[in-house]
Amino acid sequence: MTITVLFFAQAREHVGRARGTLQLPEGSKVADALARLEREHPALAPLWPHLAVAVNQHLVRGDAPLMDGAELALLPPVSGG
């Protein structure tokens, strides 16, 4: 299956682009996608403890299933006033 990955703010800066795609086996979960991204983009290492993850605009945990065509977003913490 193919999923789209969106990188926001610091994640985009560390990866050098705003979006990408991942090819994953059917039945993959969010944790599988994150493990793949961690291997492919080691520059994200300092951000992992702080990132939220959304699938199709809903915050999810690692055990959430992925479907073909899903959009996975890496969301850094938001601050401001």
PDB file of N, CA and C in Angstrom:
ATOM      1  N   MET A   1       0.837  -1.170   0.000  1.00  0.00           N
ATOM      2  CA  MET A   1       0.000   0.000   0.000  1.00  0.00           C
ATOM      3  C   MET A   1       0.884   1.236   0.000  1.00  0.00           C
ATOM      4  N   THR A   2       0.336   2.327  -0.456  1.00  0.00           N
ATOM      5  CA  THR A   2       1.062   3.592  -0.515  1.00  0.00           C
ATOM      6  C   THR A   2       0.393   4.588   0.409  1.00  0.00           C
ATOM      7  N   ILE A   3       1.193   5.233   1.262  1.00  0.00           N
ATOM      8  CA  ILE A   3       0.665   6.312   2.096  1.00  0.00           C
ATOM      9  C   ILE A   3       1.463   7.579   1.805  1.00  0.00           C
ATOM     10  N   THR A   4       0.812   8.712   2.012  1.00  0.00           N
ATOM     11  CA  THR A   4       1.461  10.014   1.877  1.00  0.00           C
ATOM     12  C   THR A   4       1.880  10.466   3.263  1.00  0.00           C
ATOM     13  N   VAL A   5       3.097  10.985   3.365  1.00  0.00           N
ATOM     14  CA  VAL A   5       3.609  11.494   4.634  1.00  0.00           C
ATOM     15  C   VAL A   5       3.788  13.000   4.498  1.00  0.00           C
ATOM     16  N   LEU A   6       3.217  13.738   5.454  1.00  0.00           N
ATOM     17  CA  LEU A   6       3.347  15.189   5.484  1.00  0.00           C
ATOM     18  C   LEU A   6       4.269  15.570   6.636  1.00  0.00           C
ATOM     19  N   PHE A   7       5.238  16.408   6.343  1.00  0.00           N
ATOM     20  CA  PHE A   7       6.198  16.879   7.342  1.00  0.00           C
ATOM     21  C   PHE A   7       5.922  18.359   7.596  1.00  0.00           C
ATOM     22  N   PHE A   8       5.685  18.728   8.857  1.00  0.00           N
ATOM     23  CA  PHE A   8       5.393  20.104   9.211  1.00  0.00           C
ATOM     24  C   PHE A   8       6.500  20.708  10.068  1.00  0.00           C
ATOM     25  N   ALA A   9       6.676  22.024   9.942  1.00  0.00           N
ATOM     26  CA  ALA A   9       7.581  22.835  10.776  1.00  0.00           C
ATOM     27  C   ALA A   9       8.978  22.214  10.865  1.00  0.00           C
ATOM     28  N   GLN A  10       9.448  21.905  12.091  1.00  0.00           N
ATOM     29  CA  GLN A  10      10.817  21.394  12.249  1.00  0.00           C
ATOM     30  C   GLN A  10      11.011  20.073  11.521  1.00  0.00           C
ATOM     31  N   ALA A  11       9.982  19.238  11.458  1.00  0.00           N
ATOM     32  CA  ALA A  11      10.104  17.974  10.737  1.00  0.00           C
ATOM     33  C   ALA A  11      10.405  18.246   9.263  1.00  0.00           C
ATOM     34  N   ARG A  12       9.721  19.221   8.686  1.00  0.00           N
ATOM     35  CA  ARG A  12       9.967  19.598   7.283  1.00  0.00           C
ATOM     36  C   ARG A  12      11.398  20.098   7.112  1.00  0.00           C
ATOM     37  N   GLU A  13      11.867  20.914   8.061  1.00  0.00           N
ATOM     38  CA  GLU A  13      13.241  21.433   7.990  1.00  0.00           C
ATOM     39  C   GLU A  13      14.271  20.314   8.078  1.00  0.00           C
ATOM     40  N   HIS A  14      14.046  19.343   8.958  1.00  0.00           N
ATOM     41  CA  HIS A  14      14.999  18.246   9.135  1.00  0.00           C
ATOM     42  C   HIS A  14      15.032  17.298   7.934  1.00  0.00           C
ATOM     43  N   VAL A  15      13.876  17.115   7.297  1.00  0.00           N
ATOM     44  CA  VAL A  15      13.791  16.194   6.164  1.00  0.00           C
ATOM     45  C   VAL A  15      14.125  16.896   4.851  1.00  0.00           C
ATOM     46  N   GLY A  16      13.841  18.192   4.777  1.00  0.00           N
ATOM     47  CA  GLY A  16      14.143  18.942   3.569  1.00  0.00           C
ATOM     48  C   GLY A  16      13.026  18.967   2.548  1.00  0.00           C
ATOM     49  N   ARG A  17      11.854  18.540   2.951  1.00  0.00           N
ATOM     50  CA  ARG A  17      10.698  18.600   2.049  1.00  0.00           C
ATOM     51  C   ARG A  17       9.415  18.546   2.867  1.00  0.00           C
ATOM     52  N   ALA A  18       8.313  18.898   2.255  1.00  0.00           N
ATOM     53  CA  ALA A  18       7.031  18.963   2.954  1.00  0.00           C
ATOM     54  C   ALA A  18       6.238  17.666   2.875  1.00  0.00           C
ATOM     55  N   ARG A  19       6.535  16.823   1.895  1.00  0.00           N
ATOM     56  CA  ARG A  19       5.774  15.577   1.749  1.00  0.00           C
ATOM     57  C   ARG A  19       6.600  14.500   1.092  1.00  0.00           C
ATOM     58  N   GLY A  20       6.141  13.280   1.271  1.00  0.00           N
ATOM     59  CA  GLY A  20       6.775  12.128   0.656  1.00  0.00           C
ATOM     60  C   GLY A  20       5.776  10.983   0.630  1.00  0.00           C
ATOM     61  N   THR A  21       6.205   9.837   0.134  1.00  0.00           N
ATOM     62  CA  THR A  21       5.355   8.650   0.126  1.00  0.00           C
ATOM     63  C   THR A  21       6.122   7.483   0.718  1.00  0.00           C
ATOM     64  N   LEU A  22       5.377   6.549   1.258  1.00  0.00           N
ATOM     65  CA  LEU A  22       5.945   5.300   1.768  1.00  0.00           C
ATOM     66  C   LEU A  22       5.175   4.141   1.159  1.00  0.00           C
ATOM     67  N   GLN A  23       5.906   3.116   0.779  1.00  0.00           N
ATOM     68  CA  GLN A  23       5.307   1.855   0.356  1.00  0.00           C
ATOM     69  C   GLN A  23       5.408   0.911   1.548  1.00  0.00           C
ATOM     70  N   LEU A  24       4.284   0.423   2.023  1.00  0.00           N
ATOM     71  CA  LEU A  24       4.248  -0.467   3.182  1.00  0.00           C
ATOM     72  C   LEU A  24       3.410  -1.693   2.848  1.00  0.00           C
ATOM     73  N   PRO A  25       3.686  -2.809   3.540  1.00  0.00           N
ATOM     74  CA  PRO A  25       2.852  -4.002   3.322  1.00  0.00           C
ATOM     75  C   PRO A  25       1.431  -3.789   3.833  1.00  0.00           C
ATOM     76  N   GLU A  26       0.484  -4.465   3.209  1.00  0.00           N
ATOM     77  CA  GLU A  26      -0.898  -4.433   3.695  1.00  0.00           C
ATOM     78  C   GLU A  26      -0.909  -4.847   5.161  1.00  0.00           C
ATOM     79  N   GLY A  27      -1.771  -4.232   5.942  1.00  0.00           N
ATOM     80  CA  GLY A  27      -1.876  -4.559   7.353  1.00  0.00           C
ATOM     81  C   GLY A  27      -0.913  -3.793   8.244  1.00  0.00           C
ATOM     82  N   SER A  28      -0.141  -2.868   7.668  1.00  0.00           N
ATOM     83  CA  SER A  28       0.814  -2.085   8.461  1.00  0.00           C
ATOM     84  C   SER A  28       0.079  -1.145   9.404  1.00  0.00           C
ATOM     85  N   LYS A  29       0.748  -0.827  10.484  1.00  0.00           N
ATOM     86  CA  LYS A  29       0.227   0.096  11.484  1.00  0.00           C
ATOM     87  C   LYS A  29       1.078   1.366  11.478  1.00  0.00           C
ATOM     88  N   VAL A  30       0.618   2.372  12.187  1.00  0.00           N
ATOM     89  CA  VAL A  30       1.345   3.636  12.281  1.00  0.00           C
ATOM     90  C   VAL A  30       2.772   3.384  12.774  1.00  0.00           C
ATOM     91  N   ALA A  31       2.946   2.525  13.760  1.00  0.00           N
ATOM     92  CA  ALA A  31       4.284   2.241  14.291  1.00  0.00           C
ATOM     93  C   ALA A  31       5.220   1.716  13.206  1.00  0.00           C
ATOM     94  N   ASP A  32       4.705   0.953  12.254  1.00  0.00           N
ATOM     95  CA  ASP A  32       5.524   0.448  11.149  1.00  0.00           C
ATOM     96  C   ASP A  32       5.997   1.599  10.269  1.00  0.00           C
ATOM     97  N   ALA A  33       5.099   2.527   9.985  1.00  0.00           N
ATOM     98  CA  ALA A  33       5.465   3.691   9.168  1.00  0.00           C
ATOM     99  C   ALA A  33       6.494   4.548   9.894  1.00  0.00           C
ATOM    100  N   LEU A  34       6.302   4.745  11.196  1.00  0.00           N
ATOM    101  CA  LEU A  34       7.245   5.566  11.960  1.00  0.00           C
ATOM    102  C   LEU A  34       8.620   4.916  12.027  1.00  0.00           C
ATOM    103  N   ALA A  35       8.669   3.607  12.179  1.00  0.00           N
ATOM    104  CA  ALA A  35       9.955   2.906  12.201  1.00  0.00           C
ATOM    105  C   ALA A  35      10.674   3.077  10.869  1.00  0.00           C
ATOM    106  N   ARG A  36       9.939   3.008   9.789  1.00  0.00           N
ATOM    107  CA  ARG A  36      10.523   3.192   8.451  1.00  0.00           C
ATOM    108  C   ARG A  36      11.044   4.606   8.295  1.00  0.00           C
ATOM    109  N   LEU A  37      10.249   5.592   8.733  1.00  0.00           N
ATOM    110  CA  LEU A  37      10.676   6.986   8.638  1.00  0.00           C
ATOM    111  C   LEU A  37      11.907   7.245   9.497  1.00  0.00           C
ATOM    112  N   GLU A  38      11.961   6.608  10.653  1.00  0.00           N
ATOM    113  CA  GLU A  38      13.124   6.774  11.533  1.00  0.00           C
ATOM    114  C   GLU A  38      14.394   6.265  10.856  1.00  0.00           C
ATOM    115  N   ARG A  39      14.290   5.149  10.146  1.00  0.00           N
ATOM    116  CA  ARG A  39      15.458   4.605   9.419  1.00  0.00           C
ATOM    117  C   ARG A  39      15.835   5.484   8.225  1.00  0.00           C
ATOM    118  N   GLU A  40      14.834   5.959   7.494  1.00  0.00           N
ATOM    119  CA  GLU A  40      15.099   6.723   6.275  1.00  0.00           C
ATOM    120  C   GLU A  40      15.490   8.173   6.538  1.00  0.00           C
ATOM    121  N   HIS A  41      15.109   8.708   7.706  1.00  0.00           N
ATOM    122  CA  HIS A  41      15.373  10.114   8.017  1.00  0.00           C
ATOM    123  C   HIS A  41      15.965  10.249   9.422  1.00  0.00           C
ATOM    124  N   PRO A  42      17.217   9.838   9.598  1.00  0.00           N
ATOM    125  CA  PRO A  42      17.823   9.911  10.931  1.00  0.00           C
ATOM    126  C   PRO A  42      17.880  11.329  11.494  1.00  0.00           C
ATOM    127  N   ALA A  43      17.786  12.337  10.649  1.00  0.00           N
ATOM    128  CA  ALA A  43      17.811  13.724  11.129  1.00  0.00           C
ATOM    129  C   ALA A  43      16.587  14.044  11.988  1.00  0.00           C
ATOM    130  N   LEU A  44      15.541  13.221  11.917  1.00  0.00           N
ATOM    131  CA  LEU A  44      14.360  13.443  12.739  1.00  0.00           C
ATOM    132  C   LEU A  44      14.546  12.985  14.187  1.00  0.00           C
ATOM    133  N   ALA A  45      15.623  12.292  14.488  1.00  0.00           N
ATOM    134  CA  ALA A  45      15.837  11.688  15.813  1.00  0.00           C
ATOM    135  C   ALA A  45      15.544  12.640  16.977  1.00  0.00           C
ATOM    136  N   PRO A  46      16.036  13.885  16.975  1.00  0.00           N
ATOM    137  CA  PRO A  46      15.762  14.737  18.132  1.00  0.00           C
ATOM    138  C   PRO A  46      14.290  15.132  18.282  1.00  0.00           C
ATOM    139  N   LEU A  47      13.511  14.976  17.218  1.00  0.00           N
ATOM    140  CA  LEU A  47      12.103  15.382  17.267  1.00  0.00           C
ATOM    141  C   LEU A  47      11.159  14.272  17.723  1.00  0.00           C
ATOM    142  N   TRP A  48      11.544  13.003  17.570  1.00  0.00           N
ATOM    143  CA  TRP A  48      10.615  11.903  17.827  1.00  0.00           C
ATOM    144  C   TRP A  48       9.904  11.996  19.166  1.00  0.00           C
ATOM    145  N   PRO A  49      10.590  12.337  20.265  1.00  0.00           N
ATOM    146  CA  PRO A  49       9.863  12.383  21.547  1.00  0.00           C
ATOM    147  C   PRO A  49       8.782  13.470  21.600  1.00  0.00           C
ATOM    148  N   HIS A  50       8.814  14.400  20.678  1.00  0.00           N
ATOM    149  CA  HIS A  50       7.916  15.554  20.745  1.00  0.00           C
ATOM    150  C   HIS A  50       6.848  15.576  19.652  1.00  0.00           C
ATOM    151  N   LEU A  51       6.931  14.675  18.697  1.00  0.00           N
ATOM    152  CA  LEU A  51       6.006  14.701  17.567  1.00  0.00           C
ATOM    153  C   LEU A  51       4.669  14.042  17.893  1.00  0.00           C
ATOM    154  N   ALA A  52       3.606  14.649  17.428  1.00  0.00           N
ATOM    155  CA  ALA A  52       2.292  14.003  17.411  1.00  0.00           C
ATOM    156  C   ALA A  52       2.114  13.445  16.000  1.00  0.00           C
ATOM    157  N   VAL A  53       1.293  12.427  15.887  1.00  0.00           N
ATOM    158  CA  VAL A  53       1.066  11.792  14.592  1.00  0.00           C
ATOM    159  C   VAL A  53      -0.433  11.785  14.313  1.00  0.00           C
ATOM    160  N   ALA A  54      -0.780  12.186  13.113  1.00  0.00           N
ATOM    161  CA  ALA A  54      -2.176  12.155  12.685  1.00  0.00           C
ATOM    162  C   ALA A  54      -2.296  11.329  11.417  1.00  0.00           C
ATOM    163  N   VAL A  55      -3.393  10.616  11.312  1.00  0.00           N
ATOM    164  CA  VAL A  55      -3.726   9.889  10.084  1.00  0.00           C
ATOM    165  C   VAL A  55      -5.069  10.432   9.615  1.00  0.00           C
ATOM    166  N   ASN A  56      -5.060  10.911   8.398  1.00  0.00           N
ATOM    167  CA  ASN A  56      -6.279  11.502   7.812  1.00  0.00           C
ATOM    168  C   ASN A  56      -6.895  12.532   8.762  1.00  0.00           C
ATOM    169  N   GLN A  57      -6.029  13.362   9.322  1.00  0.00           N
ATOM    170  CA  GLN A  57      -6.387  14.510  10.155  1.00  0.00           C
ATOM    171  C   GLN A  57      -6.949  14.135  11.530  1.00  0.00           C
ATOM    172  N   HIS A  58      -6.653  12.934  12.009  1.00  0.00           N
ATOM    173  CA  HIS A  58      -7.057  12.506  13.352  1.00  0.00           C
ATOM    174  C   HIS A  58      -5.810  12.031  14.098  1.00  0.00           C
ATOM    175  N   LEU A  59      -5.596  12.554  15.295  1.00  0.00           N
ATOM    176  CA  LEU A  59      -4.451  12.125  16.092  1.00  0.00           C
ATOM    177  C   LEU A  59      -4.589  10.647  16.421  1.00  0.00           C
ATOM    178  N   VAL A  60      -3.467   9.918  16.306  1.00  0.00           N
ATOM    179  CA  VAL A  60      -3.484   8.468  16.497  1.00  0.00           C
ATOM    180  C   VAL A  60      -2.281   8.021  17.317  1.00  0.00           C
ATOM    181  N   ARG A  61      -2.352   6.785  17.766  1.00  0.00           N
ATOM    182  CA  ARG A  61      -1.232   6.124  18.438  1.00  0.00           C
ATOM    183  C   ARG A  61      -0.601   5.132  17.469  1.00  0.00           C
ATOM    184  N   GLY A  62       0.498   4.552  17.891  1.00  0.00           N
ATOM    185  CA  GLY A  62       1.249   3.648  17.036  1.00  0.00           C
ATOM    186  C   GLY A  62       0.515   2.400  16.607  1.00  0.00           C
ATOM    187  N   ASP A  63      -0.479   1.966  17.382  1.00  0.00           N
ATOM    188  CA  ASP A  63      -1.176   0.734  17.040  1.00  0.00           C
ATOM    189  C   ASP A  63      -2.333   0.951  16.060  1.00  0.00           C
ATOM    190  N   ALA A  64      -2.534   2.183  15.627  1.00  0.00           N
ATOM    191  CA  ALA A  64      -3.611   2.473  14.671  1.00  0.00           C
ATOM    192  C   ALA A  64      -3.279   1.860  13.310  1.00  0.00           C
ATOM    193  N   PRO A  65      -4.258   1.253  12.664  1.00  0.00           N
ATOM    194  CA  PRO A  65      -4.018   0.661  11.343  1.00  0.00           C
ATOM    195  C   PRO A  65      -3.907   1.733  10.264  1.00  0.00           C
ATOM    196  N   LEU A  66      -3.201   1.398   9.204  1.00  0.00           N
ATOM    197  CA  LEU A  66      -3.102   2.262   8.031  1.00  0.00           C
ATOM    198  C   LEU A  66      -3.816   1.606   6.861  1.00  0.00           C
ATOM    199  N   MET A  67      -4.398   2.432   6.029  1.00  0.00           N
ATOM    200  CA  MET A  67      -5.072   1.946   4.833  1.00  0.00           C
ATOM    201  C   MET A  67      -4.376   2.540   3.609  1.00  0.00           C
ATOM    202  N   ASP A  68      -4.471   1.868   2.498  1.00  0.00           N
ATOM    203  CA  ASP A  68      -3.905   2.382   1.267  1.00  0.00           C
ATOM    204  C   ASP A  68      -4.455   3.775   0.995  1.00  0.00           C
ATOM    205  N   GLY A  69      -3.579   4.704   0.653  1.00  0.00           N
ATOM    206  CA  GLY A  69      -3.983   6.062   0.346  1.00  0.00           C
ATOM    207  C   GLY A  69      -4.071   6.980   1.554  1.00  0.00           C
ATOM    208  N   ALA A  70      -3.766   6.458   2.752  1.00  0.00           N
ATOM    209  CA  ALA A  70      -3.843   7.281   3.963  1.00  0.00           C
ATOM    210  C   ALA A  70      -2.829   8.411   3.907  1.00  0.00           C
ATOM    211  N   GLU A  71      -3.128   9.459   4.663  1.00  0.00           N
ATOM    212  CA  GLU A  71      -2.237  10.603   4.804  1.00  0.00           C
ATOM    213  C   GLU A  71      -1.757  10.630   6.263  1.00  0.00           C
ATOM    214  N   LEU A  72      -0.467  10.442   6.460  1.00  0.00           N
ATOM    215  CA  LEU A  72       0.137  10.448   7.787  1.00  0.00           C
ATOM    216  C   LEU A  72       0.897  11.756   7.953  1.00  0.00           C
ATOM    217  N   ALA A  73       0.600  12.484   9.030  1.00  0.00           N
ATOM    218  CA  ALA A  73       1.244  13.788   9.256  1.00  0.00           C
ATOM    219  C   ALA A  73       2.058  13.739  10.527  1.00  0.00           C
ATOM    220  N   LEU A  74       3.287  14.275  10.464  1.00  0.00           N
ATOM    221  CA  LEU A  74       4.154  14.427  11.631  1.00  0.00           C
ATOM    222  C   LEU A  74       4.007  15.863  12.112  1.00  0.00           C
ATOM    223  N   LEU A  75       3.490  16.020  13.321  1.00  0.00           N
ATOM    224  CA  LEU A  75       3.134  17.332  13.849  1.00  0.00           C
ATOM    225  C   LEU A  75       3.998  17.679  15.061  1.00  0.00           C
ATOM    226  N   PRO A  76       4.874  18.669  14.934  1.00  0.00           N
ATOM    227  CA  PRO A  76       5.657  19.088  16.074  1.00  0.00           C
ATOM    228  C   PRO A  76       4.772  19.833  17.073  1.00  0.00           C
ATOM    229  N   PRO A  77       5.258  19.995  18.302  1.00  0.00           N
ATOM    230  CA  PRO A  77       4.453  20.729  19.282  1.00  0.00           C
ATOM    231  C   PRO A  77       4.205  22.166  18.821  1.00  0.00           C
ATOM    232  N   VAL A  78       3.061  22.673  19.221  1.00  0.00           N
ATOM    233  CA  VAL A  78       2.677  24.031  18.857  1.00  0.00           C
ATOM    234  C   VAL A  78       2.822  24.923  20.088  1.00  0.00           C
ATOM    235  N   SER A  79       3.361  26.088  19.874  1.00  0.00           N
ATOM    236  CA  SER A  79       3.433  27.060  20.965  1.00  0.00           C
ATOM    237  C   SER A  79       3.066  28.416  20.409  1.00  0.00           C
ATOM    238  N   GLY A  80       2.831  29.323  21.274  1.00  0.00           N
ATOM    239  CA  GLY A  80       2.480  30.671  20.820  1.00  0.00           C
ATOM    240  C   GLY A  80       1.441  31.262  21.743  1.00  0.00           C
ATOM    241  N   GLY A  81       0.976  32.395  21.347  1.00  0.00           N
ATOM    242  CA  GLY A  81       0.024  33.057  22.224  1.00  0.00           C
ATOM    243  C   GLY A  81      -1.077  33.728  21.495  1.00  0.00           C
TER     244      GLY A  81
END
